């Protein structure tokens, strides 16, 4: 138990440090500022990364892209034996449309294509047996704190919804 507390404390320190570095970088940044929705999205992705690490996900890639396809995968990580392709949706308020509703069929199709491209780097025998999951993480950056909702297996590689 003590080692788990130390590990979580270390993740907290890393998150705090990264937030401070981003704050300093924003103050010295040249050029036009990021659009508010992009800045909110990046904050949500960072918050989701550390939240998932606290839940024992092993994150192996952030904002992964392919030269052959449009788009990116926000986070890629392992949850036990599952290779997870994670889409993060961030909101600064809760309203009638939950954040996860922004993952539509086109976004799912894009993520499936990116996942197939990512998996091509695996040896063929591993590619066939590794279990793949698509998770959606809704992040709400609220005045009272940050809330997370994780939808594990929100859709599958073949085109179905769970």
N, C-alpha and C. Protein backbone atom coordinates (compact mmCIF):
# COMPACT_ATOMS: atom_id res chain seq x y z
N UNK A 1 0.81 -1.20 0.00
CA UNK A 1 0.00 0.00 0.00
C UNK A 1 0.84 1.26 0.00
N UNK A 2 1.95 1.24 0.73
CA UNK A 2 2.81 2.41 0.78
C UNK A 2 3.40 2.71 -0.59
N UNK A 3 3.77 1.65 -1.33
CA UNK A 3 4.34 1.88 -2.66
C UNK A 3 3.30 2.47 -3.61
N UNK A 4 2.02 2.09 -3.46
CA UNK A 4 0.96 2.66 -4.29
C UNK A 4 0.79 4.14 -3.98
N UNK A 5 0.84 4.50 -2.71
CA UNK A 5 0.73 5.91 -2.31
C UNK A 5 1.90 6.71 -2.85
N UNK A 6 3.09 6.14 -2.82
CA UNK A 6 4.27 6.83 -3.34
C UNK A 6 4.13 7.02 -4.85
N UNK A 7 3.67 5.98 -5.56
CA UNK A 7 3.50 6.07 -7.01
C UNK A 7 2.48 7.15 -7.36
N UNK A 8 1.36 7.18 -6.64
CA UNK A 8 0.34 8.21 -6.92
C UNK A 8 0.85 9.60 -6.57
N UNK A 9 1.63 9.70 -5.49
CA UNK A 9 2.23 10.99 -5.14
C UNK A 9 3.18 11.47 -6.21
N UNK A 10 3.94 10.56 -6.79
CA UNK A 10 4.87 10.90 -7.86
C UNK A 10 4.11 11.37 -9.09
N UNK A 11 2.99 10.73 -9.41
CA UNK A 11 2.16 11.18 -10.54
C UNK A 11 1.63 12.58 -10.26
N UNK A 12 1.22 12.84 -9.04
CA UNK A 12 0.74 14.18 -8.66
C UNK A 12 1.82 15.24 -8.88
N UNK A 13 3.05 14.92 -8.48
CA UNK A 13 4.17 15.85 -8.65
C UNK A 13 4.43 16.10 -10.13
N UNK A 14 4.38 15.05 -10.94
CA UNK A 14 4.59 15.21 -12.38
C UNK A 14 3.51 16.09 -12.99
N UNK A 15 2.27 15.85 -12.60
CA UNK A 15 1.16 16.65 -13.13
C UNK A 15 1.33 18.12 -12.74
N UNK A 16 1.63 18.38 -11.47
CA UNK A 16 1.82 19.74 -10.99
C UNK A 16 2.95 20.42 -11.77
N UNK A 17 4.07 19.72 -11.95
CA UNK A 17 5.22 20.28 -12.66
C UNK A 17 4.88 20.61 -14.11
N UNK A 18 4.18 19.70 -14.77
CA UNK A 18 3.83 19.94 -16.17
C UNK A 18 2.89 21.13 -16.31
N UNK A 19 1.93 21.25 -15.39
CA UNK A 19 1.03 22.40 -15.43
C UNK A 19 1.80 23.71 -15.27
N UNK A 20 2.78 23.74 -14.36
CA UNK A 20 3.58 24.94 -14.17
C UNK A 20 4.39 25.27 -15.42
N UNK A 21 4.99 24.25 -16.03
CA UNK A 21 5.77 24.48 -17.25
C UNK A 21 4.90 25.01 -18.38
N UNK A 22 3.70 24.48 -18.52
CA UNK A 22 2.79 24.98 -19.56
C UNK A 22 2.39 26.42 -19.28
N UNK A 23 2.19 26.74 -18.00
CA UNK A 23 1.86 28.12 -17.64
C UNK A 23 2.99 29.07 -17.99
N UNK A 24 4.24 28.67 -17.71
CA UNK A 24 5.39 29.51 -18.06
C UNK A 24 5.53 29.65 -19.57
N UNK A 25 5.34 28.56 -20.28
CA UNK A 25 5.46 28.59 -21.74
C UNK A 25 4.41 29.50 -22.36
N UNK A 26 3.20 29.49 -21.79
CA UNK A 26 2.14 30.35 -22.31
C UNK A 26 2.48 31.83 -22.13
N UNK A 27 3.17 32.15 -21.05
CA UNK A 27 3.52 33.55 -20.79
C UNK A 27 4.61 34.06 -21.73
N UNK A 28 5.50 33.20 -22.19
CA UNK A 28 6.58 33.65 -23.05
C UNK A 28 6.34 33.29 -24.53
N UNK A 29 5.20 32.70 -24.81
CA UNK A 29 4.88 32.27 -26.18
C UNK A 29 4.80 33.46 -27.12
N UNK A 30 5.42 33.30 -28.27
CA UNK A 30 5.34 34.32 -29.30
C UNK A 30 4.24 33.95 -30.28
N UNK A 31 3.71 34.94 -30.95
CA UNK A 31 2.66 34.68 -31.92
C UNK A 31 1.29 34.73 -31.28
N UNK A 32 0.28 34.43 -32.07
CA UNK A 32 -1.08 34.53 -31.55
C UNK A 32 -1.34 33.45 -30.50
N UNK A 33 -2.16 33.77 -29.51
CA UNK A 33 -2.49 32.78 -28.48
C UNK A 33 -3.34 31.65 -29.07
N UNK A 34 -3.31 30.51 -28.42
CA UNK A 34 -4.15 29.40 -28.85
C UNK A 34 -5.62 29.79 -28.71
N UNK A 35 -6.44 29.30 -29.63
CA UNK A 35 -7.88 29.50 -29.50
C UNK A 35 -8.33 28.87 -28.18
N UNK A 36 -9.33 29.45 -27.55
CA UNK A 36 -9.78 28.99 -26.24
C UNK A 36 -10.17 27.52 -26.25
N UNK A 37 -10.85 27.06 -27.32
CA UNK A 37 -11.27 25.66 -27.35
C UNK A 37 -10.08 24.71 -27.48
N UNK A 38 -9.03 25.14 -28.19
CA UNK A 38 -7.82 24.30 -28.30
C UNK A 38 -7.08 24.23 -26.97
N UNK A 39 -6.98 25.36 -26.30
CA UNK A 39 -6.31 25.38 -24.99
C UNK A 39 -7.08 24.51 -23.99
N UNK A 40 -8.41 24.58 -24.02
CA UNK A 40 -9.22 23.75 -23.13
C UNK A 40 -9.02 22.27 -23.45
N UNK A 41 -8.99 21.94 -24.74
CA UNK A 41 -8.78 20.55 -25.15
C UNK A 41 -7.44 20.01 -24.69
N UNK A 42 -6.39 20.82 -24.82
CA UNK A 42 -5.06 20.38 -24.38
C UNK A 42 -5.02 20.18 -22.86
N UNK A 43 -5.65 21.09 -22.13
CA UNK A 43 -5.72 20.92 -20.66
C UNK A 43 -6.45 19.64 -20.30
N UNK A 44 -7.52 19.35 -21.00
CA UNK A 44 -8.28 18.14 -20.74
C UNK A 44 -7.49 16.88 -21.05
N UNK A 45 -6.73 16.91 -22.15
CA UNK A 45 -5.90 15.75 -22.50
C UNK A 45 -4.84 15.50 -21.44
N UNK A 46 -4.21 16.57 -20.95
CA UNK A 46 -3.21 16.40 -19.88
C UNK A 46 -3.86 15.85 -18.61
N UNK A 47 -5.02 16.40 -18.26
CA UNK A 47 -5.71 15.92 -17.05
C UNK A 47 -6.10 14.45 -17.20
N UNK A 48 -6.59 14.07 -18.37
CA UNK A 48 -6.98 12.67 -18.62
C UNK A 48 -5.76 11.75 -18.54
N UNK A 49 -4.64 12.19 -19.09
CA UNK A 49 -3.43 11.38 -19.05
C UNK A 49 -3.06 11.02 -17.61
N UNK A 50 -3.03 12.02 -16.74
CA UNK A 50 -2.65 11.76 -15.35
C UNK A 50 -3.73 10.98 -14.60
N UNK A 51 -4.99 11.23 -14.92
CA UNK A 51 -6.07 10.48 -14.28
C UNK A 51 -5.96 8.99 -14.66
N UNK A 52 -5.74 8.72 -15.93
CA UNK A 52 -5.62 7.33 -16.38
C UNK A 52 -4.38 6.67 -15.78
N UNK A 53 -3.29 7.41 -15.66
CA UNK A 53 -2.09 6.84 -15.00
C UNK A 53 -2.40 6.46 -13.57
N UNK A 54 -3.19 7.28 -12.87
CA UNK A 54 -3.57 6.94 -11.50
C UNK A 54 -4.43 5.68 -11.46
N UNK A 55 -5.12 5.39 -12.56
CA UNK A 55 -5.94 4.18 -12.65
C UNK A 55 -5.15 3.00 -13.22
N UNK A 56 -3.82 3.15 -13.26
CA UNK A 56 -2.89 2.10 -13.69
C UNK A 56 -2.86 1.83 -15.19
N UNK A 57 -3.32 2.76 -16.00
CA UNK A 57 -3.08 2.66 -17.43
C UNK A 57 -1.60 2.96 -17.65
N UNK A 58 -0.99 2.30 -18.60
CA UNK A 58 0.37 2.63 -19.02
C UNK A 58 0.25 3.36 -20.35
N UNK A 59 0.45 4.66 -20.33
CA UNK A 59 0.29 5.48 -21.53
C UNK A 59 1.58 5.40 -22.35
N UNK A 60 1.45 5.03 -23.63
CA UNK A 60 2.63 4.85 -24.48
C UNK A 60 2.73 5.90 -25.58
N UNK A 61 1.64 6.64 -25.83
CA UNK A 61 1.69 7.68 -26.87
C UNK A 61 0.64 8.74 -26.57
N UNK A 62 0.99 9.99 -26.89
CA UNK A 62 0.04 11.08 -26.80
C UNK A 62 -0.01 11.78 -28.15
N UNK A 63 -1.22 12.16 -28.55
CA UNK A 63 -1.46 12.88 -29.81
C UNK A 63 -0.77 12.17 -30.98
N UNK A 64 -0.96 10.85 -31.07
CA UNK A 64 -0.31 10.03 -32.09
C UNK A 64 -0.93 10.30 -33.46
N UNK A 65 -0.07 10.51 -34.45
CA UNK A 65 -0.53 10.76 -35.81
C UNK A 65 0.17 9.83 -36.79
N UNK A 66 -0.38 9.78 -37.98
CA UNK A 66 0.21 9.03 -39.07
C UNK A 66 0.30 9.96 -40.28
N UNK A 67 1.40 9.87 -41.00
CA UNK A 67 1.56 10.70 -42.20
C UNK A 67 0.56 10.30 -43.28
N UNK A 68 0.02 9.09 -43.18
CA UNK A 68 -0.87 8.57 -44.22
C UNK A 68 -2.34 8.89 -43.98
N UNK A 69 -2.66 9.38 -42.79
CA UNK A 69 -4.08 9.60 -42.46
C UNK A 69 -4.25 10.94 -41.76
N UNK A 70 -5.46 11.46 -41.83
CA UNK A 70 -5.77 12.70 -41.12
C UNK A 70 -6.11 12.38 -39.67
N UNK A 71 -5.96 13.35 -38.81
CA UNK A 71 -6.37 13.21 -37.42
C UNK A 71 -5.28 12.69 -36.51
N UNK A 72 -5.66 12.50 -35.25
CA UNK A 72 -4.73 11.96 -34.26
C UNK A 72 -5.51 11.16 -33.22
N UNK A 73 -4.78 10.33 -32.50
CA UNK A 73 -5.33 9.62 -31.35
C UNK A 73 -4.80 10.36 -30.13
N UNK A 74 -5.70 10.82 -29.28
CA UNK A 74 -5.29 11.62 -28.13
C UNK A 74 -4.31 10.87 -27.24
N UNK A 75 -4.68 9.65 -26.84
CA UNK A 75 -3.83 8.84 -25.97
C UNK A 75 -3.89 7.39 -26.42
N UNK A 76 -2.77 6.70 -26.32
CA UNK A 76 -2.72 5.27 -26.54
C UNK A 76 -2.06 4.67 -25.31
N UNK A 77 -2.68 3.64 -24.77
CA UNK A 77 -2.11 3.05 -23.56
C UNK A 77 -2.61 1.64 -23.33
N UNK A 78 -1.98 1.00 -22.38
CA UNK A 78 -2.35 -0.35 -21.98
C UNK A 78 -3.12 -0.30 -20.68
N UNK A 79 -4.24 -1.00 -20.64
CA UNK A 79 -5.01 -1.21 -19.43
C UNK A 79 -5.01 -2.72 -19.21
N UNK A 80 -4.03 -3.19 -18.44
CA UNK A 80 -3.83 -4.63 -18.32
C UNK A 80 -3.38 -5.18 -19.67
N UNK A 81 -4.10 -6.16 -20.18
CA UNK A 81 -3.77 -6.77 -21.47
C UNK A 81 -4.35 -6.00 -22.66
N UNK A 82 -5.22 -5.04 -22.41
CA UNK A 82 -5.91 -4.31 -23.47
C UNK A 82 -5.06 -3.15 -23.98
N UNK A 83 -4.94 -3.05 -25.31
CA UNK A 83 -4.36 -1.88 -25.94
C UNK A 83 -5.51 -0.92 -26.21
N UNK A 84 -5.46 0.26 -25.60
CA UNK A 84 -6.56 1.21 -25.65
C UNK A 84 -6.21 2.43 -26.48
N UNK A 85 -7.09 2.76 -27.40
CA UNK A 85 -7.02 3.99 -28.18
C UNK A 85 -8.05 4.91 -27.54
N UNK A 86 -7.56 6.03 -27.01
CA UNK A 86 -8.39 6.85 -26.12
C UNK A 86 -8.64 8.22 -26.74
N UNK A 87 -9.91 8.54 -26.87
CA UNK A 87 -10.34 9.86 -27.34
C UNK A 87 -10.79 10.65 -26.13
N UNK A 88 -10.25 11.86 -25.98
CA UNK A 88 -10.58 12.72 -24.85
C UNK A 88 -11.43 13.88 -25.35
N UNK A 89 -12.55 14.09 -24.69
CA UNK A 89 -13.41 15.23 -25.00
C UNK A 89 -13.55 16.07 -23.74
N UNK A 90 -13.28 17.36 -23.87
CA UNK A 90 -13.21 18.25 -22.71
C UNK A 90 -14.25 19.35 -22.83
N UNK A 91 -14.86 19.65 -21.70
CA UNK A 91 -15.80 20.75 -21.61
C UNK A 91 -15.50 21.54 -20.34
N UNK A 92 -15.82 22.83 -20.37
CA UNK A 92 -15.63 23.65 -19.17
C UNK A 92 -16.95 23.83 -18.42
N UNK A 93 -18.04 23.31 -18.96
CA UNK A 93 -19.34 23.31 -18.28
C UNK A 93 -20.06 22.00 -18.61
N UNK A 94 -20.97 21.63 -17.73
CA UNK A 94 -21.86 20.50 -18.02
C UNK A 94 -23.15 21.08 -18.56
N UNK A 95 -23.57 20.58 -19.71
CA UNK A 95 -24.84 21.05 -20.25
C UNK A 95 -25.61 19.85 -20.78
N UNK A 96 -26.60 20.10 -21.62
CA UNK A 96 -27.45 19.01 -22.11
C UNK A 96 -26.71 18.02 -22.99
N UNK A 97 -25.69 18.48 -23.70
CA UNK A 97 -24.90 17.60 -24.55
C UNK A 97 -23.64 17.16 -23.82
N UNK A 98 -23.57 15.90 -23.39
CA UNK A 98 -22.35 15.46 -22.70
C UNK A 98 -21.16 15.45 -23.65
N UNK A 99 -19.98 15.59 -23.08
CA UNK A 99 -18.76 15.69 -23.89
C UNK A 99 -18.60 14.50 -24.83
N UNK A 100 -18.90 13.30 -24.34
CA UNK A 100 -18.70 12.10 -25.15
C UNK A 100 -19.57 12.05 -26.40
N UNK A 101 -20.64 12.84 -26.43
CA UNK A 101 -21.52 12.85 -27.61
C UNK A 101 -20.82 13.44 -28.83
N UNK A 102 -19.68 14.11 -28.63
CA UNK A 102 -18.93 14.68 -29.75
C UNK A 102 -18.17 13.63 -30.55
N UNK A 103 -18.13 12.39 -30.05
CA UNK A 103 -17.49 11.30 -30.80
C UNK A 103 -18.56 10.69 -31.70
N UNK A 104 -18.60 11.16 -32.94
CA UNK A 104 -19.60 10.70 -33.89
C UNK A 104 -19.04 9.59 -34.78
N UNK A 105 -19.83 9.14 -35.73
CA UNK A 105 -19.42 8.03 -36.61
C UNK A 105 -18.16 8.37 -37.40
N UNK A 106 -18.06 9.61 -37.88
CA UNK A 106 -16.85 10.01 -38.63
C UNK A 106 -15.61 9.94 -37.75
N UNK A 107 -15.72 10.40 -36.51
CA UNK A 107 -14.59 10.35 -35.57
C UNK A 107 -14.22 8.90 -35.27
N UNK A 108 -15.23 8.05 -35.08
CA UNK A 108 -14.97 6.63 -34.85
C UNK A 108 -14.23 6.01 -36.04
N UNK A 109 -14.68 6.31 -37.24
CA UNK A 109 -14.06 5.78 -38.46
C UNK A 109 -12.59 6.22 -38.54
N UNK A 110 -12.34 7.48 -38.26
CA UNK A 110 -10.97 8.00 -38.28
C UNK A 110 -10.11 7.28 -37.24
N UNK A 111 -10.63 7.11 -36.03
CA UNK A 111 -9.87 6.45 -34.97
C UNK A 111 -9.59 4.99 -35.31
N UNK A 112 -10.56 4.31 -35.92
CA UNK A 112 -10.34 2.92 -36.34
C UNK A 112 -9.20 2.84 -37.35
N UNK A 113 -9.22 3.74 -38.33
CA UNK A 113 -8.15 3.75 -39.33
C UNK A 113 -6.79 4.01 -38.72
N UNK A 114 -6.73 4.98 -37.81
CA UNK A 114 -5.46 5.26 -37.14
C UNK A 114 -5.00 4.07 -36.30
N UNK A 115 -5.95 3.41 -35.63
CA UNK A 115 -5.60 2.24 -34.83
C UNK A 115 -5.03 1.13 -35.71
N UNK A 116 -5.65 0.89 -36.85
CA UNK A 116 -5.14 -0.15 -37.77
C UNK A 116 -3.73 0.20 -38.24
N UNK A 117 -3.51 1.47 -38.51
CA UNK A 117 -2.17 1.90 -38.92
C UNK A 117 -1.17 1.68 -37.80
N UNK A 118 -1.54 2.04 -36.58
CA UNK A 118 -0.67 1.85 -35.41
C UNK A 118 -0.35 0.37 -35.23
N UNK A 119 -1.35 -0.46 -35.38
CA UNK A 119 -1.17 -1.90 -35.16
C UNK A 119 -0.27 -2.55 -36.21
N UNK A 120 -0.14 -1.93 -37.38
CA UNK A 120 0.74 -2.49 -38.41
C UNK A 120 2.19 -2.55 -37.97
N UNK A 121 2.57 -1.78 -36.96
CA UNK A 121 3.93 -1.81 -36.43
C UNK A 121 4.18 -3.06 -35.58
N UNK A 122 3.10 -3.74 -35.17
CA UNK A 122 3.23 -4.96 -34.37
C UNK A 122 3.55 -6.13 -35.29
N UNK A 123 4.31 -7.12 -34.80
CA UNK A 123 4.49 -8.35 -35.58
C UNK A 123 3.11 -8.98 -35.84
N UNK A 124 2.94 -9.57 -37.01
CA UNK A 124 1.63 -10.08 -37.40
C UNK A 124 1.01 -11.03 -36.38
N UNK A 125 1.81 -11.93 -35.82
CA UNK A 125 1.25 -12.88 -34.84
C UNK A 125 0.73 -12.17 -33.59
N UNK A 126 1.37 -11.07 -33.19
CA UNK A 126 0.90 -10.29 -32.03
C UNK A 126 -0.33 -9.48 -32.40
N UNK A 127 -0.32 -8.94 -33.63
CA UNK A 127 -1.41 -8.09 -34.09
C UNK A 127 -2.75 -8.83 -34.03
N UNK A 128 -2.73 -10.12 -34.31
CA UNK A 128 -3.96 -10.90 -34.33
C UNK A 128 -4.50 -11.21 -32.93
N UNK A 129 -3.63 -11.22 -31.93
CA UNK A 129 -4.08 -11.64 -30.60
C UNK A 129 -4.20 -10.52 -29.58
N UNK A 130 -3.63 -9.35 -29.87
CA UNK A 130 -3.71 -8.27 -28.89
C UNK A 130 -5.15 -7.74 -28.84
N UNK A 131 -5.75 -7.71 -27.65
CA UNK A 131 -7.10 -7.17 -27.55
C UNK A 131 -7.07 -5.65 -27.64
N UNK A 132 -7.93 -5.10 -28.49
CA UNK A 132 -7.97 -3.66 -28.73
C UNK A 132 -9.29 -3.11 -28.22
N UNK A 133 -9.20 -1.93 -27.62
CA UNK A 133 -10.38 -1.28 -27.08
C UNK A 133 -10.32 0.21 -27.40
N UNK A 134 -11.47 0.79 -27.66
CA UNK A 134 -11.58 2.23 -27.87
C UNK A 134 -12.31 2.82 -26.68
N UNK A 135 -11.62 3.66 -25.93
CA UNK A 135 -12.21 4.31 -24.77
C UNK A 135 -12.44 5.79 -25.09
N UNK A 136 -13.48 6.33 -24.51
CA UNK A 136 -13.74 7.77 -24.59
C UNK A 136 -13.71 8.30 -23.16
N UNK A 137 -12.95 9.36 -22.95
CA UNK A 137 -12.87 10.00 -21.64
C UNK A 137 -13.46 11.40 -21.76
N UNK A 138 -14.50 11.63 -20.98
CA UNK A 138 -15.08 12.97 -20.91
C UNK A 138 -14.45 13.67 -19.71
N UNK A 139 -13.91 14.86 -19.97
CA UNK A 139 -13.27 15.65 -18.92
C UNK A 139 -14.06 16.94 -18.76
N UNK A 140 -14.43 17.24 -17.53
CA UNK A 140 -15.14 18.47 -17.23
C UNK A 140 -14.26 19.30 -16.32
N UNK A 141 -13.75 20.42 -16.85
CA UNK A 141 -12.91 21.34 -16.09
C UNK A 141 -13.82 22.36 -15.43
N UNK A 142 -14.24 22.06 -14.22
CA UNK A 142 -15.23 22.89 -13.52
C UNK A 142 -14.56 23.73 -12.44
N UNK A 143 -15.24 24.75 -11.99
CA UNK A 143 -14.67 25.61 -10.95
C UNK A 143 -14.38 24.84 -9.66
N UNK A 144 -15.20 23.85 -9.35
CA UNK A 144 -15.02 23.08 -8.13
C UNK A 144 -14.03 21.94 -8.27
N UNK A 145 -13.46 21.75 -9.44
CA UNK A 145 -12.51 20.66 -9.67
C UNK A 145 -12.75 20.02 -11.02
N UNK A 146 -12.03 18.97 -11.29
CA UNK A 146 -12.12 18.29 -12.57
C UNK A 146 -12.84 16.97 -12.39
N UNK A 147 -13.84 16.72 -13.23
CA UNK A 147 -14.59 15.47 -13.22
C UNK A 147 -14.24 14.66 -14.46
N UNK A 148 -14.21 13.35 -14.31
CA UNK A 148 -13.90 12.44 -15.40
C UNK A 148 -14.99 11.39 -15.52
N UNK A 149 -15.32 11.04 -16.75
CA UNK A 149 -16.18 9.89 -17.02
C UNK A 149 -15.46 9.08 -18.09
N UNK A 150 -15.27 7.79 -17.82
CA UNK A 150 -14.55 6.92 -18.76
C UNK A 150 -15.53 5.91 -19.32
N UNK A 151 -15.58 5.85 -20.64
CA UNK A 151 -16.43 4.89 -21.34
C UNK A 151 -15.51 3.88 -22.01
N UNK A 152 -15.26 2.78 -21.30
CA UNK A 152 -14.37 1.75 -21.82
C UNK A 152 -15.12 0.95 -22.89
N UNK A 153 -14.43 0.70 -24.00
CA UNK A 153 -15.04 -0.07 -25.08
C UNK A 153 -16.22 0.65 -25.69
N UNK A 154 -16.11 1.95 -25.89
CA UNK A 154 -17.22 2.75 -26.43
C UNK A 154 -17.64 2.28 -27.82
N UNK A 155 -16.69 1.77 -28.59
CA UNK A 155 -16.97 1.18 -29.90
C UNK A 155 -15.85 0.21 -30.20
N UNK A 156 -16.02 -0.60 -31.25
CA UNK A 156 -15.02 -1.64 -31.52
C UNK A 156 -14.30 -1.41 -32.85
N UNK A 157 -13.30 -2.23 -33.10
CA UNK A 157 -12.45 -2.09 -34.29
C UNK A 157 -13.21 -2.40 -35.57
N UNK A 158 -14.23 -3.25 -35.48
CA UNK A 158 -14.97 -3.66 -36.67
C UNK A 158 -16.08 -2.70 -37.09
N UNK A 159 -16.42 -1.77 -36.26
CA UNK A 159 -17.42 -0.80 -36.65
C UNK A 159 -18.68 -0.81 -35.81
N UNK A 160 -18.71 -1.58 -34.74
CA UNK A 160 -19.89 -1.61 -33.89
C UNK A 160 -19.72 -0.74 -32.66
N UNK A 161 -20.86 -0.40 -32.09
CA UNK A 161 -20.87 0.33 -30.81
C UNK A 161 -21.21 -0.64 -29.71
N UNK A 162 -20.61 -0.38 -28.54
CA UNK A 162 -20.86 -1.26 -27.39
C UNK A 162 -22.09 -0.83 -26.63
